[in-house]
Amino acid sequence: MEVEEIRRIILDQQQSLEEKIRNEKIIEREYNYSIYGNNAYLITGPRRAGKSIFALQLVRGREYLRVDFDDERLYHLRGNELNKVLEAGYQIKGRIEAIILDEIQNIDRWELFVSRIRENYPVIVTGSNARLMSEDMATYLTGRHIDYQVFPFSFRENLRYKGVEPEETTRGISTLKEELREYLERGGFPETFRFPPRLYIPELYSDVITKDVILRCRTRKDIKGVADFLLTSIGREVSTRRVGNAFGLSHQSVENYFSCLSSAYLFLFVRRFTGKSLERYSLPRKVYVIDPGLYSTLKGFEIGRLMENAVFLELYRRYKEIYYYSEGEGEVDFVVNDRAIQITYDKGGIDDREFKGLQRFSDRFKHRLTIVTWDEEGKERLRNGREVELVPLWRFLLEGLKP
């Protein structure tokens, strides 16, 4: 490609971005990420979760060059032509203090370009496939790049976007519950505030599978079927053997599919807690979807599953290791750090099953015990004397776990 053609594309993208910022509501995200100096910064996360806008917030106050390589006009650009992008940028800007490269994984050997220019600018690279981008960065930038993750709006960010201030009055709590039910139904993808989820979400789901799974992982056979199966299994155990038998795939193929779907931030998996680290990798795992709106739009509004998925996502934002517990009749939805957490909609009272799971778990382990509910708040005691904290979902999503 010629420099003049690239320059025209960058100017078109710049105009489109300025119109978007002018016409859309932009909020500060709740991440504490920042730029520390000249280096490479990798921002990964689901497609259309707001990575590009967040990258702009990171370079606020600097003269920046931004190029979106998801533009079909740049698909034929070769890795050895990337310096022409820099040349076109200087023609437009005159001075460059930071560079944003959106979805640059579409260009072969992009990591060589980033490795070279990171010495002179903060270079922010965004992408929708965590595994492949991290592998590419690690090849030439081992120990010389910083990884960030950006997700769809949390419930807190959803309230901020809508201008709702949490209040613990009777009216305020009623409002929070209404907003929470809507959040579980619509989800946190920013563009669902502009487009009906019933139209937007199916297109997004298809784009992720096509662009971030099939094209990036170079796999086709039944991947859409596996994804649909996982979506119907949210909050349940899945095993590679069961999926393999259902779709006529080998154990290794299913493992690869799971990895691809997780790297594309469509599904995330939780391993079983046993107290023995090696066993966790050979047992079935539970599956969750990256945003509650994907499940409610594509499969229906099942509040129990959506509550569990929302709790998982909040834990995933805060903690590195999350597990679940299952032994005999005893089940605990999540185990994280020193906490064992159950989730229940509690219509008509908390089911004995929730207490039995915590009872069995607490007979073996000394974790603090929590049940996330829809309405109930307070404390209960198990037969063994252990205390259980009851926390309504709206409070959990606003405050997290108490220290």
Foldseek 3Di string as FASTA:
>chain_A
DALVVLLVQQVVVVVVVVVCPVPDDDDDAPDPDEDDWQFEEEEEEAPLQCPVVVVCVRQPPFAEREDECVPPVNLPPELVCVVSNVVSVCVVRVDHAEYEYEQVVSYPPVLVVSLVCSVPHYYYYYHQFQPVVVVSNCVRQPVTYHYHYGAFDFLVVVCVSVVQDQDPDPVRVVVLLVSVLVCLAAWGNVCCVVPPLLPPLVVSVVCLCVPQQCVVLVDDQCLVVVLVVLLVQALHWDALVVVCVVRVHDSVVSVSSVSSCVSSQAKDWAFADDVDVVVRVVDTIHMEGRISNNNCSPPNCDPQSSLLNSLVNLCVVPADHWHWYDDDLATFSIDGDQETEAEDQQDVHDDVSNLRNVVVVVVPGPGQAEYEYQDDFDWDAHPVGHIYGYHYSSCCSVPNDDD
